[in-house]
Amino acid sequence: MAANGGTHIVVANEPRSYRESLAGVLRVERPHDAVTVCDPAHLPELGPLDIVVCSQLPAGVAERAGGWLVLRRDGGVARSSVPDVEAMAYRPGLHAVLAAIERIAAAVAQLR
C-alpha cells in the first residue's frame, strides 16, 4: 500500500523505454498511487506488492502480489490476476492497460 493510502504499482515490463513511459503515464493518471519502476530481474527480490505490471510473471510474484498484469510485446493486456480483465486482452493500447489496472486496483482494495 502506498504511504497515502493509495495503491503501490510496480512497473517491471520490457522494454525499458516502455516501462518508463508507462510509469510516467500512471503517475499522471493515478496521482494518489505510488508508482515504482523496477528492472524485471529484480522483481523476485521485492517484498509484498499491491500491483505488478510485467512482461513475464516470475515464479513466486503472483503469490506476493495483490494483483498483477502481464503485457504483450505490443503493450496490450495478455493476462491478469483478475479474470474479467483477461477479456480485455483483445483491446490494444494504453486505454486498455489503464482500464485493466483500474479493475485490478479495485480488486486489491476489496482485499484490504
N, C-alpha and C. Protein backbone atom coordinates (compact mmCIF):
# COMPACT_ATOMS: atom_id res chain seq x y z
N MET A 1 0.84 -1.16 0.00
CA MET A 1 0.00 0.00 0.00
C MET A 1 0.90 1.24 0.00
N ALA A 2 0.50 2.24 -0.75
CA ALA A 2 1.25 3.50 -0.79
C ALA A 2 1.07 4.24 0.53
N ALA A 3 2.02 5.10 0.84
CA ALA A 3 2.00 5.82 2.11
C ALA A 3 0.74 6.65 2.30
N ASN A 4 0.17 7.17 1.22
CA ASN A 4 -1.03 8.00 1.32
C ASN A 4 -2.32 7.18 1.24
N GLY A 5 -2.22 5.88 1.35
CA GLY A 5 -3.40 5.03 1.31
C GLY A 5 -3.76 4.54 -0.07
N GLY A 6 -3.06 5.01 -1.10
CA GLY A 6 -3.30 4.56 -2.46
C GLY A 6 -2.67 3.20 -2.69
N THR A 7 -2.68 2.79 -3.92
CA THR A 7 -2.12 1.51 -4.32
C THR A 7 -0.66 1.69 -4.74
N HIS A 8 0.18 0.71 -4.43
CA HIS A 8 1.57 0.73 -4.89
C HIS A 8 1.64 -0.12 -6.15
N ILE A 9 1.98 0.52 -7.26
CA ILE A 9 2.07 -0.16 -8.55
C ILE A 9 3.54 -0.28 -8.93
N VAL A 10 4.00 -1.50 -9.17
CA VAL A 10 5.38 -1.73 -9.60
C VAL A 10 5.33 -2.05 -11.09
N VAL A 11 6.02 -1.24 -11.88
CA VAL A 11 6.07 -1.42 -13.32
C VAL A 11 7.41 -2.08 -13.65
N ALA A 12 7.36 -3.31 -14.16
CA ALA A 12 8.58 -4.09 -14.41
C ALA A 12 8.52 -4.81 -15.75
N ASN A 13 8.00 -4.12 -16.75
CA ASN A 13 7.90 -4.75 -18.06
C ASN A 13 9.07 -4.36 -18.95
N GLU A 14 9.22 -5.05 -20.04
CA GLU A 14 10.24 -4.77 -21.05
C GLU A 14 9.54 -4.30 -22.31
N PRO A 15 10.14 -3.47 -23.09
CA PRO A 15 11.46 -2.88 -22.95
C PRO A 15 11.46 -1.74 -21.93
N ARG A 16 12.65 -1.33 -21.55
CA ARG A 16 12.81 -0.30 -20.53
C ARG A 16 12.11 1.00 -20.92
N SER A 17 12.20 1.40 -22.17
CA SER A 17 11.58 2.65 -22.60
C SER A 17 10.06 2.61 -22.39
N TYR A 18 9.45 1.47 -22.66
CA TYR A 18 8.01 1.34 -22.44
C TYR A 18 7.71 1.34 -20.94
N ARG A 19 8.53 0.70 -20.16
CA ARG A 19 8.37 0.66 -18.70
C ARG A 19 8.38 2.09 -18.14
N GLU A 20 9.36 2.88 -18.56
CA GLU A 20 9.48 4.27 -18.08
C GLU A 20 8.29 5.11 -18.54
N SER A 21 7.89 4.92 -19.79
CA SER A 21 6.75 5.68 -20.32
C SER A 21 5.46 5.33 -19.59
N LEU A 22 5.22 4.03 -19.39
CA LEU A 22 4.00 3.61 -18.69
C LEU A 22 3.98 4.14 -17.27
N ALA A 23 5.11 4.10 -16.58
CA ALA A 23 5.19 4.63 -15.22
C ALA A 23 4.87 6.12 -15.20
N GLY A 24 5.36 6.86 -16.19
CA GLY A 24 5.06 8.29 -16.28
C GLY A 24 3.58 8.55 -16.45
N VAL A 25 2.95 7.78 -17.32
CA VAL A 25 1.50 7.93 -17.53
C VAL A 25 0.74 7.59 -16.26
N LEU A 26 1.13 6.51 -15.59
CA LEU A 26 0.44 6.12 -14.35
C LEU A 26 0.57 7.19 -13.27
N ARG A 27 1.71 7.84 -13.20
CA ARG A 27 1.90 8.90 -12.20
C ARG A 27 0.96 10.08 -12.47
N VAL A 28 0.68 10.34 -13.73
CA VAL A 28 -0.24 11.42 -14.09
C VAL A 28 -1.69 10.98 -13.90
N GLU A 29 -2.03 9.81 -14.40
CA GLU A 29 -3.41 9.32 -14.38
C GLU A 29 -3.87 8.83 -13.01
N ARG A 30 -2.93 8.41 -12.16
CA ARG A 30 -3.27 7.86 -10.85
C ARG A 30 -2.39 8.53 -9.78
N PRO A 31 -2.56 9.86 -9.58
CA PRO A 31 -1.68 10.60 -8.69
C PRO A 31 -1.75 10.16 -7.22
N HIS A 32 -2.80 9.49 -6.83
CA HIS A 32 -2.95 9.01 -5.45
C HIS A 32 -2.18 7.71 -5.20
N ASP A 33 -1.69 7.10 -6.26
CA ASP A 33 -0.95 5.84 -6.14
C ASP A 33 0.56 6.09 -6.17
N ALA A 34 1.31 5.18 -5.57
CA ALA A 34 2.77 5.20 -5.67
C ALA A 34 3.16 4.30 -6.84
N VAL A 35 3.98 4.81 -7.74
CA VAL A 35 4.41 4.04 -8.91
C VAL A 35 5.93 3.89 -8.84
N THR A 36 6.37 2.64 -8.88
CA THR A 36 7.79 2.32 -8.83
C THR A 36 8.18 1.60 -10.11
N VAL A 37 9.32 1.98 -10.66
CA VAL A 37 9.86 1.30 -11.83
C VAL A 37 10.92 0.31 -11.34
N CYS A 38 10.87 -0.90 -11.87
CA CYS A 38 11.78 -1.95 -11.42
C CYS A 38 12.25 -2.77 -12.62
N ASP A 39 13.52 -3.07 -12.65
CA ASP A 39 14.03 -3.98 -13.66
C ASP A 39 13.40 -5.35 -13.40
N PRO A 40 12.89 -6.01 -14.42
CA PRO A 40 12.23 -7.31 -14.20
C PRO A 40 13.10 -8.33 -13.46
N ALA A 41 14.40 -8.25 -13.63
CA ALA A 41 15.29 -9.20 -12.95
C ALA A 41 15.25 -9.03 -11.44
N HIS A 42 14.89 -7.84 -10.95
CA HIS A 42 14.85 -7.57 -9.52
C HIS A 42 13.47 -7.79 -8.90
N LEU A 43 12.49 -8.05 -9.71
CA LEU A 43 11.12 -8.23 -9.22
C LEU A 43 11.00 -9.35 -8.18
N PRO A 44 11.63 -10.49 -8.37
CA PRO A 44 11.51 -11.55 -7.36
C PRO A 44 12.09 -11.17 -5.99
N GLU A 45 12.93 -10.14 -5.94
CA GLU A 45 13.56 -9.74 -4.69
C GLU A 45 12.66 -8.85 -3.84
N LEU A 46 11.63 -8.28 -4.43
CA LEU A 46 10.77 -7.35 -3.71
C LEU A 46 9.84 -8.09 -2.75
N GLY A 47 9.46 -7.41 -1.69
CA GLY A 47 8.55 -8.00 -0.69
C GLY A 47 7.11 -7.98 -1.17
N PRO A 48 6.17 -7.92 -0.24
CA PRO A 48 4.76 -7.88 -0.61
C PRO A 48 4.47 -6.72 -1.57
N LEU A 49 3.63 -6.97 -2.54
CA LEU A 49 3.35 -5.99 -3.59
C LEU A 49 1.84 -5.81 -3.76
N ASP A 50 1.41 -4.58 -4.09
CA ASP A 50 0.00 -4.36 -4.40
C ASP A 50 -0.31 -4.84 -5.82
N ILE A 51 0.27 -4.15 -6.81
CA ILE A 51 0.04 -4.49 -8.22
C ILE A 51 1.38 -4.53 -8.95
N VAL A 52 1.57 -5.56 -9.75
CA VAL A 52 2.76 -5.70 -10.58
C VAL A 52 2.33 -5.69 -12.04
N VAL A 53 2.99 -4.85 -12.84
CA VAL A 53 2.78 -4.83 -14.29
C VAL A 53 4.09 -5.31 -14.89
N CYS A 54 4.03 -6.40 -15.67
CA CYS A 54 5.26 -7.00 -16.16
C CYS A 54 5.05 -7.65 -17.53
N SER A 55 6.16 -8.06 -18.13
CA SER A 55 6.12 -8.78 -19.42
C SER A 55 6.03 -10.27 -19.20
N GLN A 56 6.65 -10.73 -18.13
CA GLN A 56 6.61 -12.14 -17.73
C GLN A 56 6.46 -12.16 -16.23
N LEU A 57 5.65 -13.06 -15.73
CA LEU A 57 5.40 -13.15 -14.30
C LEU A 57 6.38 -14.16 -13.69
N PRO A 58 7.41 -13.67 -12.98
CA PRO A 58 8.39 -14.58 -12.38
C PRO A 58 7.75 -15.46 -11.30
N ALA A 59 8.32 -16.61 -11.09
CA ALA A 59 7.83 -17.54 -10.07
C ALA A 59 7.78 -16.84 -8.72
N GLY A 60 6.69 -17.05 -8.01
CA GLY A 60 6.53 -16.53 -6.67
C GLY A 60 5.95 -15.13 -6.59
N VAL A 61 6.00 -14.37 -7.68
CA VAL A 61 5.50 -13.00 -7.64
C VAL A 61 3.98 -12.97 -7.51
N ALA A 62 3.29 -13.86 -8.19
CA ALA A 62 1.83 -13.88 -8.13
C ALA A 62 1.34 -14.10 -6.70
N GLU A 63 2.06 -14.89 -5.94
CA GLU A 63 1.66 -15.18 -4.56
C GLU A 63 1.92 -13.99 -3.63
N ARG A 64 2.88 -13.13 -3.98
CA ARG A 64 3.21 -11.98 -3.14
C ARG A 64 2.50 -10.70 -3.56
N ALA A 65 1.88 -10.72 -4.72
CA ALA A 65 1.22 -9.52 -5.23
C ALA A 65 -0.29 -9.60 -4.99
N GLY A 66 -0.87 -8.46 -4.65
CA GLY A 66 -2.32 -8.40 -4.53
C GLY A 66 -2.98 -8.61 -5.88
N GLY A 67 -2.32 -8.13 -6.93
CA GLY A 67 -2.82 -8.28 -8.29
C GLY A 67 -1.68 -8.09 -9.27
N TRP A 68 -1.84 -8.60 -10.47
CA TRP A 68 -0.79 -8.49 -11.46
C TRP A 68 -1.38 -8.41 -12.86
N LEU A 69 -0.57 -7.87 -13.76
CA LEU A 69 -0.97 -7.68 -15.15
C LEU A 69 0.24 -7.99 -16.02
N VAL A 70 0.09 -8.93 -16.94
CA VAL A 70 1.16 -9.27 -17.87
C VAL A 70 0.81 -8.63 -19.21
N LEU A 71 1.77 -7.87 -19.74
CA LEU A 71 1.57 -7.19 -21.01
C LEU A 71 2.15 -7.99 -22.17
N ARG A 72 1.52 -7.86 -23.32
CA ARG A 72 2.05 -8.47 -24.55
C ARG A 72 3.23 -7.64 -25.04
N ARG A 73 3.93 -8.15 -26.01
CA ARG A 73 5.07 -7.42 -26.59
C ARG A 73 4.65 -6.08 -27.18
N ASP A 74 3.41 -6.00 -27.69
CA ASP A 74 2.94 -4.74 -28.29
C ASP A 74 2.35 -3.80 -27.24
N GLY A 75 2.42 -4.19 -25.96
CA GLY A 75 1.93 -3.33 -24.88
C GLY A 75 0.50 -3.59 -24.49
N GLY A 76 -0.20 -4.48 -25.18
CA GLY A 76 -1.57 -4.80 -24.83
C GLY A 76 -1.63 -5.75 -23.64
N VAL A 77 -2.82 -5.94 -23.12
CA VAL A 77 -3.06 -6.82 -21.97
C VAL A 77 -3.00 -8.28 -22.44
N ALA A 78 -2.18 -9.10 -21.78
CA ALA A 78 -2.08 -10.52 -22.11
C ALA A 78 -2.82 -11.36 -21.08
N ARG A 79 -2.46 -11.20 -19.79
CA ARG A 79 -3.09 -11.97 -18.70
C ARG A 79 -3.19 -11.08 -17.48
N SER A 80 -4.06 -11.50 -16.56
CA SER A 80 -4.25 -10.72 -15.35
C SER A 80 -4.68 -11.61 -14.20
N SER A 81 -4.46 -11.12 -13.00
CA SER A 81 -4.92 -11.84 -11.81
C SER A 81 -6.43 -11.70 -11.62
N VAL A 82 -7.04 -10.77 -12.32
CA VAL A 82 -8.48 -10.55 -12.23
C VAL A 82 -9.11 -11.12 -13.51
N PRO A 83 -9.89 -12.19 -13.39
CA PRO A 83 -10.39 -12.89 -14.57
C PRO A 83 -11.10 -12.01 -15.61
N ASP A 84 -11.93 -11.06 -15.17
CA ASP A 84 -12.65 -10.28 -16.18
C ASP A 84 -11.73 -9.33 -16.93
N VAL A 85 -10.55 -9.06 -16.42
CA VAL A 85 -9.58 -8.22 -17.13
C VAL A 85 -9.04 -8.95 -18.34
N GLU A 86 -8.94 -10.26 -18.26
CA GLU A 86 -8.42 -11.03 -19.39
C GLU A 86 -9.29 -10.88 -20.62
N ALA A 87 -10.56 -10.57 -20.44
CA ALA A 87 -11.43 -10.33 -21.58
C ALA A 87 -10.99 -9.09 -22.34
N MET A 88 -10.20 -8.25 -21.69
CA MET A 88 -9.71 -7.02 -22.33
C MET A 88 -8.48 -7.28 -23.19
N ALA A 89 -8.01 -8.50 -23.19
CA ALA A 89 -6.76 -8.82 -23.87
C ALA A 89 -6.78 -8.50 -25.36
N TYR A 90 -7.94 -8.44 -25.94
CA TYR A 90 -8.01 -8.17 -27.36
C TYR A 90 -8.19 -6.69 -27.67
N ARG A 91 -8.22 -5.88 -26.62
CA ARG A 91 -8.28 -4.43 -26.80
C ARG A 91 -6.87 -3.88 -26.69
N PRO A 92 -6.30 -3.44 -27.76
CA PRO A 92 -4.93 -2.93 -27.70
C PRO A 92 -4.88 -1.51 -27.16
N GLY A 93 -3.71 -1.11 -26.75
CA GLY A 93 -3.47 0.27 -26.44
C GLY A 93 -3.46 0.63 -24.97
N LEU A 94 -3.05 1.85 -24.73
CA LEU A 94 -2.88 2.36 -23.38
C LEU A 94 -4.18 2.40 -22.60
N HIS A 95 -5.28 2.72 -23.26
CA HIS A 95 -6.57 2.79 -22.55
C HIS A 95 -6.96 1.44 -21.97
N ALA A 96 -6.68 0.37 -22.69
CA ALA A 96 -6.98 -0.97 -22.18
C ALA A 96 -6.10 -1.30 -20.98
N VAL A 97 -4.84 -0.89 -21.03
CA VAL A 97 -3.93 -1.14 -19.91
C VAL A 97 -4.38 -0.36 -18.67
N LEU A 98 -4.72 0.91 -18.85
CA LEU A 98 -5.19 1.73 -17.73
C LEU A 98 -6.49 1.18 -17.14
N ALA A 99 -7.39 0.74 -18.00
CA ALA A 99 -8.65 0.15 -17.51
C ALA A 99 -8.38 -1.14 -16.75
N ALA A 100 -7.44 -1.93 -17.22
CA ALA A 100 -7.09 -3.17 -16.53
C ALA A 100 -6.50 -2.87 -15.16
N ILE A 101 -5.61 -1.89 -15.08
CA ILE A 101 -5.02 -1.52 -13.79
C ILE A 101 -6.10 -1.01 -12.84
N GLU A 102 -7.05 -0.26 -13.35
CA GLU A 102 -8.15 0.23 -12.52
C GLU A 102 -8.95 -0.93 -11.93
N ARG A 103 -9.26 -1.92 -12.74
CA ARG A 103 -10.02 -3.09 -12.24
C ARG A 103 -9.22 -3.89 -11.22
N ILE A 104 -7.93 -4.05 -11.47
CA ILE A 104 -7.08 -4.78 -10.53
C ILE A 104 -6.98 -4.01 -9.22
N ALA A 105 -6.80 -2.68 -9.30
CA ALA A 105 -6.72 -1.85 -8.09
C ALA A 105 -7.99 -1.96 -7.28
N ALA A 106 -9.15 -2.00 -7.94
CA ALA A 106 -10.43 -2.14 -7.23
C ALA A 106 -10.49 -3.50 -6.53
N ALA A 107 -10.00 -4.54 -7.18
CA ALA A 107 -9.99 -5.88 -6.56
C ALA A 107 -9.04 -5.92 -5.37
N VAL A 108 -7.88 -5.29 -5.51
CA VAL A 108 -6.91 -5.24 -4.42
C VAL A 108 -7.48 -4.48 -3.23
N ALA A 109 -8.17 -3.38 -3.50
CA ALA A 109 -8.76 -2.58 -2.43
C ALA A 109 -9.80 -3.35 -1.65
N GLN A 110 -10.53 -4.22 -2.31
CA GLN A 110 -11.54 -5.04 -1.63
C GLN A 110 -10.90 -6.05 -0.68
N LEU A 111 -9.66 -6.43 -0.96
CA LEU A 111 -8.97 -7.41 -0.13
C LEU A 111 -8.39 -6.80 1.14
N ARG A 112 -8.28 -5.48 1.17
CA ARG A 112 -7.69 -4.80 2.35
C ARG A 112 -8.63 -4.78 3.51
